[in-house]
């Protein structure tokens, strides 16, 4: 069995954003030369997310509104965590959107539905954050 590991780094210009990273992940798969197996992609930070969904701008806007409704950024005083930081909402948003994705690899390709895309979700940005890609298989 082969194993591939790569770290990706992201640094957003805004506090919150969604970035389609599917092409980057496909490039990692190509580099791995693995044809059958599994790909794990997970964020190494607790205020960012990796998830699979449709790449549609209206949906991204809906995510933003929904997440802000569930865990509003302000007022900062509403969260006990914010006694020395102001990112409690980012921790909650990450928990909702998820930490990682696992995708089957079949015939050297990501094996998910027709609209599936892999996204990096940032909820407390403006600094470097790391994402791990691990692929195992034959």
N, C-alpha and C. Protein backbone atom coordinates (compact mmCIF):
# COMPACT_ATOMS: atom_id res chain seq x y z
N UNK A 1 0.84 -1.18 0.00
CA UNK A 1 0.00 0.00 0.00
C UNK A 1 0.89 1.25 0.00
N UNK A 2 0.49 2.25 -0.78
CA UNK A 2 1.20 3.53 -0.83
C UNK A 2 0.57 4.52 0.14
N UNK A 3 1.37 5.49 0.52
CA UNK A 3 0.89 6.57 1.39
C UNK A 3 1.44 7.89 0.88
N UNK A 4 0.60 8.92 0.91
CA UNK A 4 0.98 10.26 0.45
C UNK A 4 0.53 11.25 1.52
N UNK A 5 1.36 12.24 1.80
CA UNK A 5 1.02 13.28 2.77
C UNK A 5 1.50 14.63 2.25
N UNK A 6 0.63 15.63 2.37
CA UNK A 6 1.01 16.98 1.98
C UNK A 6 0.29 17.97 2.88
N UNK A 7 0.99 19.04 3.23
CA UNK A 7 0.38 20.14 3.98
C UNK A 7 0.11 21.30 3.03
N UNK A 8 -1.09 21.82 3.12
CA UNK A 8 -1.48 23.00 2.36
C UNK A 8 -1.62 24.15 3.36
N UNK A 9 -1.30 25.37 2.91
CA UNK A 9 -1.42 26.54 3.78
C UNK A 9 -2.36 27.55 3.15
N UNK A 10 -3.23 28.12 3.99
CA UNK A 10 -4.18 29.14 3.54
C UNK A 10 -4.08 30.35 4.44
N UNK A 11 -4.23 31.53 3.84
CA UNK A 11 -4.22 32.79 4.58
C UNK A 11 -5.22 33.71 3.90
N UNK A 12 -6.40 33.82 4.47
CA UNK A 12 -7.46 34.62 3.85
C UNK A 12 -7.31 36.09 4.18
N UNK A 13 -7.85 36.94 3.32
CA UNK A 13 -7.83 38.39 3.53
C UNK A 13 -8.98 38.85 4.41
N UNK A 14 -9.94 37.97 4.63
CA UNK A 14 -11.13 38.32 5.41
C UNK A 14 -11.26 37.36 6.59
N UNK A 15 -12.08 37.73 7.55
CA UNK A 15 -12.27 36.88 8.73
C UNK A 15 -12.96 35.58 8.36
N UNK A 16 -13.96 35.65 7.45
CA UNK A 16 -14.70 34.46 7.05
C UNK A 16 -14.70 34.34 5.54
N UNK A 17 -14.55 33.11 5.06
CA UNK A 17 -14.62 32.87 3.61
C UNK A 17 -14.75 31.38 3.34
N UNK A 18 -15.18 31.09 2.13
CA UNK A 18 -15.24 29.72 1.63
C UNK A 18 -14.42 29.67 0.35
N UNK A 19 -13.47 28.72 0.27
CA UNK A 19 -12.63 28.58 -0.92
C UNK A 19 -12.77 27.17 -1.47
N UNK A 20 -13.06 27.07 -2.75
CA UNK A 20 -13.11 25.78 -3.41
C UNK A 20 -11.67 25.30 -3.60
N UNK A 21 -11.32 24.19 -2.97
CA UNK A 21 -9.96 23.66 -3.08
C UNK A 21 -9.92 22.34 -3.84
N UNK A 22 -10.98 22.02 -4.55
CA UNK A 22 -11.06 20.74 -5.26
C UNK A 22 -9.90 20.54 -6.22
N UNK A 23 -9.55 21.55 -7.00
CA UNK A 23 -8.46 21.39 -7.96
C UNK A 23 -7.12 21.16 -7.27
N UNK A 24 -6.91 21.79 -6.14
CA UNK A 24 -5.68 21.56 -5.37
C UNK A 24 -5.65 20.11 -4.89
N UNK A 25 -6.78 19.61 -4.41
CA UNK A 25 -6.87 18.24 -3.92
C UNK A 25 -6.68 17.25 -5.07
N UNK A 26 -7.24 17.55 -6.23
CA UNK A 26 -7.04 16.68 -7.41
C UNK A 26 -5.56 16.64 -7.80
N UNK A 27 -4.87 17.76 -7.67
CA UNK A 27 -3.44 17.80 -7.96
C UNK A 27 -2.67 16.91 -6.98
N UNK A 28 -3.06 16.94 -5.71
CA UNK A 28 -2.43 16.06 -4.72
C UNK A 28 -2.66 14.60 -5.09
N UNK A 29 -3.87 14.27 -5.50
CA UNK A 29 -4.18 12.90 -5.89
C UNK A 29 -3.31 12.47 -7.07
N UNK A 30 -3.16 13.35 -8.04
CA UNK A 30 -2.31 13.06 -9.19
C UNK A 30 -0.86 12.83 -8.76
N UNK A 31 -0.36 13.67 -7.88
CA UNK A 31 1.02 13.52 -7.37
C UNK A 31 1.20 12.19 -6.64
N UNK A 32 0.16 11.73 -5.97
CA UNK A 32 0.26 10.50 -5.18
C UNK A 32 0.36 9.25 -6.05
N UNK A 33 -0.14 9.33 -7.26
CA UNK A 33 -0.20 8.19 -8.19
C UNK A 33 -1.03 7.04 -7.65
N UNK A 34 -1.89 7.29 -6.68
CA UNK A 34 -2.76 6.27 -6.11
C UNK A 34 -4.04 6.18 -6.96
N UNK A 35 -4.41 4.97 -7.32
CA UNK A 35 -5.57 4.74 -8.18
C UNK A 35 -6.80 4.26 -7.41
N UNK A 36 -6.59 3.53 -6.33
CA UNK A 36 -7.68 2.97 -5.52
C UNK A 36 -7.34 3.17 -4.05
N UNK A 37 -8.23 3.81 -3.31
CA UNK A 37 -7.95 4.02 -1.90
C UNK A 37 -8.85 5.09 -1.31
N UNK A 38 -8.29 5.84 -0.37
CA UNK A 38 -9.05 6.88 0.33
C UNK A 38 -8.20 8.13 0.50
N UNK A 39 -8.86 9.25 0.44
CA UNK A 39 -8.23 10.56 0.65
C UNK A 39 -8.88 11.19 1.87
N UNK A 40 -8.04 11.62 2.79
CA UNK A 40 -8.48 12.37 3.96
C UNK A 40 -7.97 13.79 3.79
N UNK A 41 -8.83 14.76 3.98
CA UNK A 41 -8.44 16.16 3.97
C UNK A 41 -9.01 16.78 5.23
N UNK A 42 -8.12 17.26 6.11
CA UNK A 42 -8.62 17.88 7.34
C UNK A 42 -7.83 19.13 7.70
N UNK A 43 -8.54 20.04 8.31
CA UNK A 43 -7.91 21.26 8.79
C UNK A 43 -7.21 20.96 10.11
N UNK A 44 -6.08 21.61 10.32
CA UNK A 44 -5.30 21.41 11.53
C UNK A 44 -5.57 22.54 12.55
N UNK A 45 -6.61 23.32 12.30
CA UNK A 45 -6.95 24.45 13.16
C UNK A 45 -8.41 24.37 13.58
N UNK A 46 -8.72 24.87 14.76
CA UNK A 46 -10.05 24.69 15.32
C UNK A 46 -11.02 25.82 15.00
N UNK A 47 -10.62 26.72 14.12
CA UNK A 47 -11.55 27.77 13.67
C UNK A 47 -11.67 27.78 12.14
N UNK A 48 -11.34 26.66 11.53
CA UNK A 48 -11.54 26.51 10.08
C UNK A 48 -12.11 25.13 9.82
N UNK A 49 -12.59 24.92 8.60
CA UNK A 49 -13.37 23.74 8.28
C UNK A 49 -13.02 23.20 6.90
N UNK A 50 -13.24 21.92 6.70
CA UNK A 50 -13.19 21.29 5.39
C UNK A 50 -14.53 20.59 5.20
N UNK A 51 -15.18 20.82 4.07
CA UNK A 51 -16.48 20.19 3.83
C UNK A 51 -16.70 19.99 2.34
N UNK A 52 -17.68 19.15 2.01
CA UNK A 52 -18.07 18.91 0.62
C UNK A 52 -19.46 19.48 0.41
N UNK A 53 -19.61 20.22 -0.67
CA UNK A 53 -20.93 20.72 -1.05
C UNK A 53 -20.87 21.24 -2.48
N UNK A 54 -21.93 21.89 -2.91
CA UNK A 54 -22.07 22.46 -4.24
C UNK A 54 -21.35 23.81 -4.29
N UNK A 55 -20.72 24.10 -5.41
CA UNK A 55 -20.05 25.40 -5.58
C UNK A 55 -21.02 26.38 -6.23
N UNK A 56 -21.89 26.94 -5.41
CA UNK A 56 -22.92 27.86 -5.90
C UNK A 56 -22.94 29.06 -4.97
N UNK A 57 -22.77 30.25 -5.52
CA UNK A 57 -22.60 31.46 -4.71
C UNK A 57 -23.80 31.75 -3.81
N UNK A 58 -25.00 31.44 -4.26
CA UNK A 58 -26.18 31.64 -3.43
C UNK A 58 -26.15 30.75 -2.20
N UNK A 59 -25.70 29.52 -2.39
CA UNK A 59 -25.58 28.59 -1.27
C UNK A 59 -24.54 29.08 -0.27
N UNK A 60 -23.43 29.60 -0.78
CA UNK A 60 -22.39 30.12 0.12
C UNK A 60 -22.94 31.29 0.94
N UNK A 61 -23.72 32.13 0.32
CA UNK A 61 -24.36 33.24 1.03
C UNK A 61 -25.32 32.70 2.09
N UNK A 62 -26.06 31.65 1.73
CA UNK A 62 -26.99 31.03 2.69
C UNK A 62 -26.23 30.44 3.87
N UNK A 63 -25.09 29.79 3.61
CA UNK A 63 -24.26 29.27 4.71
C UNK A 63 -23.87 30.40 5.65
N UNK A 64 -23.39 31.50 5.06
CA UNK A 64 -22.93 32.63 5.87
C UNK A 64 -24.06 33.16 6.76
N UNK A 65 -25.24 33.37 6.19
CA UNK A 65 -26.38 33.88 6.96
C UNK A 65 -26.80 32.88 8.04
N UNK A 66 -26.86 31.61 7.68
CA UNK A 66 -27.29 30.58 8.61
C UNK A 66 -26.32 30.45 9.78
N UNK A 67 -25.03 30.41 9.47
CA UNK A 67 -24.02 30.30 10.52
C UNK A 67 -24.02 31.52 11.43
N UNK A 68 -24.18 32.69 10.84
CA UNK A 68 -24.20 33.92 11.65
C UNK A 68 -25.44 33.96 12.54
N UNK A 69 -26.54 33.38 12.06
CA UNK A 69 -27.76 33.30 12.87
C UNK A 69 -27.55 32.35 14.06
N UNK A 70 -26.89 31.20 13.80
CA UNK A 70 -26.67 30.21 14.85
C UNK A 70 -25.61 30.64 15.86
N UNK A 71 -24.55 31.29 15.37
CA UNK A 71 -23.43 31.69 16.23
C UNK A 71 -22.96 33.07 15.81
N UNK A 72 -23.70 34.12 16.17
CA UNK A 72 -23.32 35.47 15.76
C UNK A 72 -21.97 35.89 16.34
N UNK A 73 -21.20 36.60 15.52
CA UNK A 73 -19.89 37.06 15.97
C UNK A 73 -20.02 38.04 17.14
N UNK A 74 -20.96 38.94 17.05
CA UNK A 74 -21.09 40.00 18.06
C UNK A 74 -22.48 39.97 18.69
N UNK A 75 -22.62 40.39 19.92
CA UNK A 75 -21.57 40.98 20.75
C UNK A 75 -20.63 39.91 21.29
N UNK A 76 -19.36 40.25 21.35
CA UNK A 76 -18.35 39.31 21.84
C UNK A 76 -18.63 38.87 23.27
N UNK A 77 -19.27 39.74 24.03
CA UNK A 77 -19.52 39.46 25.45
C UNK A 77 -20.52 38.32 25.68
N UNK A 78 -21.19 37.85 24.63
CA UNK A 78 -22.17 36.77 24.81
C UNK A 78 -21.50 35.41 25.03
N UNK A 79 -20.19 35.32 24.80
CA UNK A 79 -19.48 34.06 24.90
C UNK A 79 -18.49 34.07 26.06
N UNK A 80 -18.49 33.05 26.87
CA UNK A 80 -17.53 32.93 27.97
C UNK A 80 -16.11 32.78 27.44
N UNK A 81 -15.94 32.12 26.31
CA UNK A 81 -14.61 31.92 25.72
C UNK A 81 -13.92 33.25 25.41
N UNK A 82 -14.70 34.28 25.14
CA UNK A 82 -14.15 35.55 24.69
C UNK A 82 -13.60 36.41 25.82
N UNK A 83 -13.19 35.80 26.90
CA UNK A 83 -12.60 36.60 27.97
C UNK A 83 -11.24 37.17 27.58
N UNK A 84 -10.52 36.49 26.68
CA UNK A 84 -9.24 37.02 26.18
C UNK A 84 -9.13 36.95 24.67
N UNK A 85 -10.06 36.31 24.01
CA UNK A 85 -10.11 36.26 22.55
C UNK A 85 -11.49 36.70 22.09
N UNK A 86 -11.64 36.89 20.79
CA UNK A 86 -12.97 37.27 20.28
C UNK A 86 -13.41 36.33 19.16
N UNK A 87 -13.10 35.02 19.30
CA UNK A 87 -13.41 34.11 18.22
C UNK A 87 -14.25 32.91 18.61
N UNK A 88 -15.00 33.01 19.69
CA UNK A 88 -15.84 31.89 20.11
C UNK A 88 -16.80 31.48 18.99
N UNK A 89 -17.35 32.45 18.28
CA UNK A 89 -18.27 32.13 17.19
C UNK A 89 -17.59 31.28 16.13
N UNK A 90 -16.31 31.52 15.87
CA UNK A 90 -15.57 30.76 14.86
C UNK A 90 -15.43 29.30 15.27
N UNK A 91 -15.22 29.03 16.55
CA UNK A 91 -15.15 27.66 17.04
C UNK A 91 -16.48 26.94 16.82
N UNK A 92 -17.56 27.63 17.11
CA UNK A 92 -18.89 27.04 16.95
C UNK A 92 -19.21 26.80 15.47
N UNK A 93 -18.89 27.75 14.63
CA UNK A 93 -19.14 27.60 13.18
C UNK A 93 -18.36 26.42 12.61
N UNK A 94 -17.12 26.28 13.02
CA UNK A 94 -16.30 25.15 12.57
C UNK A 94 -16.93 23.83 12.99
N UNK A 95 -17.43 23.76 14.23
CA UNK A 95 -18.05 22.53 14.70
C UNK A 95 -19.24 22.15 13.83
N UNK A 96 -20.01 23.13 13.42
CA UNK A 96 -21.19 22.88 12.57
C UNK A 96 -20.78 22.43 11.17
N UNK A 97 -19.78 23.06 10.59
CA UNK A 97 -19.39 22.77 9.20
C UNK A 97 -18.46 21.57 9.08
N UNK A 98 -17.82 21.17 10.14
CA UNK A 98 -17.02 19.95 10.12
C UNK A 98 -15.53 20.18 10.01
N UNK A 99 -14.79 19.16 10.39
CA UNK A 99 -13.33 19.21 10.46
C UNK A 99 -12.67 18.63 9.24
N UNK A 100 -13.26 17.58 8.64
CA UNK A 100 -12.59 16.87 7.56
C UNK A 100 -13.57 16.21 6.60
N UNK A 101 -13.00 15.76 5.49
CA UNK A 101 -13.74 14.92 4.56
C UNK A 101 -12.88 13.70 4.24
N UNK A 102 -13.54 12.60 3.98
CA UNK A 102 -12.90 11.39 3.48
C UNK A 102 -13.59 11.07 2.16
N UNK A 103 -12.79 10.90 1.11
CA UNK A 103 -13.34 10.65 -0.22
C UNK A 103 -12.70 9.38 -0.77
N UNK A 104 -13.54 8.51 -1.32
CA UNK A 104 -13.03 7.31 -1.98
C UNK A 104 -12.28 7.70 -3.25
N UNK A 105 -11.23 6.96 -3.55
CA UNK A 105 -10.49 7.14 -4.79
C UNK A 105 -10.78 5.91 -5.65
N UNK A 106 -11.31 6.12 -6.84
CA UNK A 106 -11.63 5.04 -7.77
C UNK A 106 -11.07 5.39 -9.13
N UNK A 107 -10.30 4.48 -9.69
CA UNK A 107 -9.67 4.70 -11.00
C UNK A 107 -8.91 6.03 -11.04
N UNK A 108 -8.25 6.37 -9.96
CA UNK A 108 -7.42 7.57 -9.90
C UNK A 108 -8.18 8.88 -9.82
N UNK A 109 -9.46 8.82 -9.46
CA UNK A 109 -10.29 10.03 -9.39
C UNK A 109 -11.05 10.10 -8.07
N UNK A 110 -11.37 11.33 -7.65
CA UNK A 110 -12.24 11.52 -6.49
C UNK A 110 -13.61 10.94 -6.84
N UNK A 111 -14.13 10.10 -5.96
CA UNK A 111 -15.38 9.37 -6.25
C UNK A 111 -16.52 9.93 -5.40
N UNK A 112 -17.01 11.12 -5.82
CA UNK A 112 -18.20 11.66 -5.16
C UNK A 112 -19.20 12.12 -6.22
N UNK A 113 -20.39 12.57 -5.80
CA UNK A 113 -21.46 12.90 -6.72
C UNK A 113 -21.12 14.00 -7.71
N UNK A 114 -22.04 14.24 -8.65
CA UNK A 114 -21.76 15.18 -9.75
C UNK A 114 -21.54 16.63 -9.31
N UNK A 115 -22.09 17.04 -8.19
CA UNK A 115 -21.95 18.43 -7.76
C UNK A 115 -20.96 18.58 -6.62
N UNK A 116 -20.38 17.50 -6.16
CA UNK A 116 -19.48 17.53 -5.01
C UNK A 116 -18.20 18.30 -5.29
N UNK A 117 -17.89 19.21 -4.41
CA UNK A 117 -16.65 19.99 -4.44
C UNK A 117 -16.13 20.07 -3.01
N UNK A 118 -14.82 20.16 -2.86
CA UNK A 118 -14.22 20.24 -1.53
C UNK A 118 -13.90 21.70 -1.22
N UNK A 119 -14.30 22.14 -0.04
CA UNK A 119 -14.13 23.54 0.36
C UNK A 119 -13.33 23.67 1.65
N UNK A 120 -12.56 24.75 1.70
CA UNK A 120 -11.93 25.22 2.93
C UNK A 120 -12.82 26.35 3.45
N UNK A 121 -13.30 26.21 4.66
CA UNK A 121 -14.11 27.25 5.29
C UNK A 121 -13.30 27.93 6.39
N UNK A 122 -13.20 29.24 6.29
CA UNK A 122 -12.44 30.01 7.28
C UNK A 122 -13.41 30.85 8.11
N UNK A 123 -13.27 30.80 9.44
CA UNK A 123 -14.17 31.53 10.32
C UNK A 123 -13.45 32.51 11.25
N UNK A 124 -12.11 32.52 11.19
CA UNK A 124 -11.32 33.45 11.99
C UNK A 124 -9.99 33.67 11.27
N UNK A 125 -10.07 34.29 10.11
CA UNK A 125 -8.95 34.36 9.18
C UNK A 125 -7.95 35.47 9.43
N UNK A 126 -7.28 35.81 8.34
CA UNK A 126 -6.24 36.83 8.31
C UNK A 126 -4.95 36.35 8.96
N UNK A 127 -4.73 35.02 8.91
CA UNK A 127 -3.47 34.43 9.36
C UNK A 127 -3.33 33.05 8.73
N UNK A 128 -2.08 32.56 8.70
CA UNK A 128 -1.81 31.28 8.05
C UNK A 128 -2.40 30.12 8.84
N UNK A 129 -3.04 29.21 8.07
CA UNK A 129 -3.58 27.99 8.67
C UNK A 129 -3.28 26.81 7.76
N UNK A 130 -3.13 25.67 8.39
CA UNK A 130 -2.65 24.47 7.71
C UNK A 130 -3.77 23.45 7.52
N UNK A 131 -3.72 22.78 6.35
CA UNK A 131 -4.64 21.70 6.02
C UNK A 131 -3.81 20.49 5.63
N UNK A 132 -4.18 19.33 6.14
CA UNK A 132 -3.47 18.09 5.85
C UNK A 132 -4.23 17.30 4.78
N UNK A 133 -3.49 16.80 3.79
CA UNK A 133 -4.03 15.87 2.81
C UNK A 133 -3.26 14.56 2.99
N UNK A 134 -3.99 13.48 3.25
CA UNK A 134 -3.40 12.16 3.42
C UNK A 134 -4.14 11.20 2.51
N UNK A 135 -3.40 10.50 1.66
CA UNK A 135 -4.00 9.56 0.71
C UNK A 135 -3.33 8.21 0.92
N UNK A 136 -4.14 7.17 1.06
CA UNK A 136 -3.60 5.82 1.17
C UNK A 136 -4.31 4.91 0.18
N UNK A 137 -3.58 3.97 -0.35
CA UNK A 137 -4.17 3.03 -1.30
C UNK A 137 -3.12 2.41 -2.19
N UNK A 138 -3.60 1.91 -3.31
CA UNK A 138 -2.73 1.23 -4.30
C UNK A 138 -2.66 2.05 -5.57
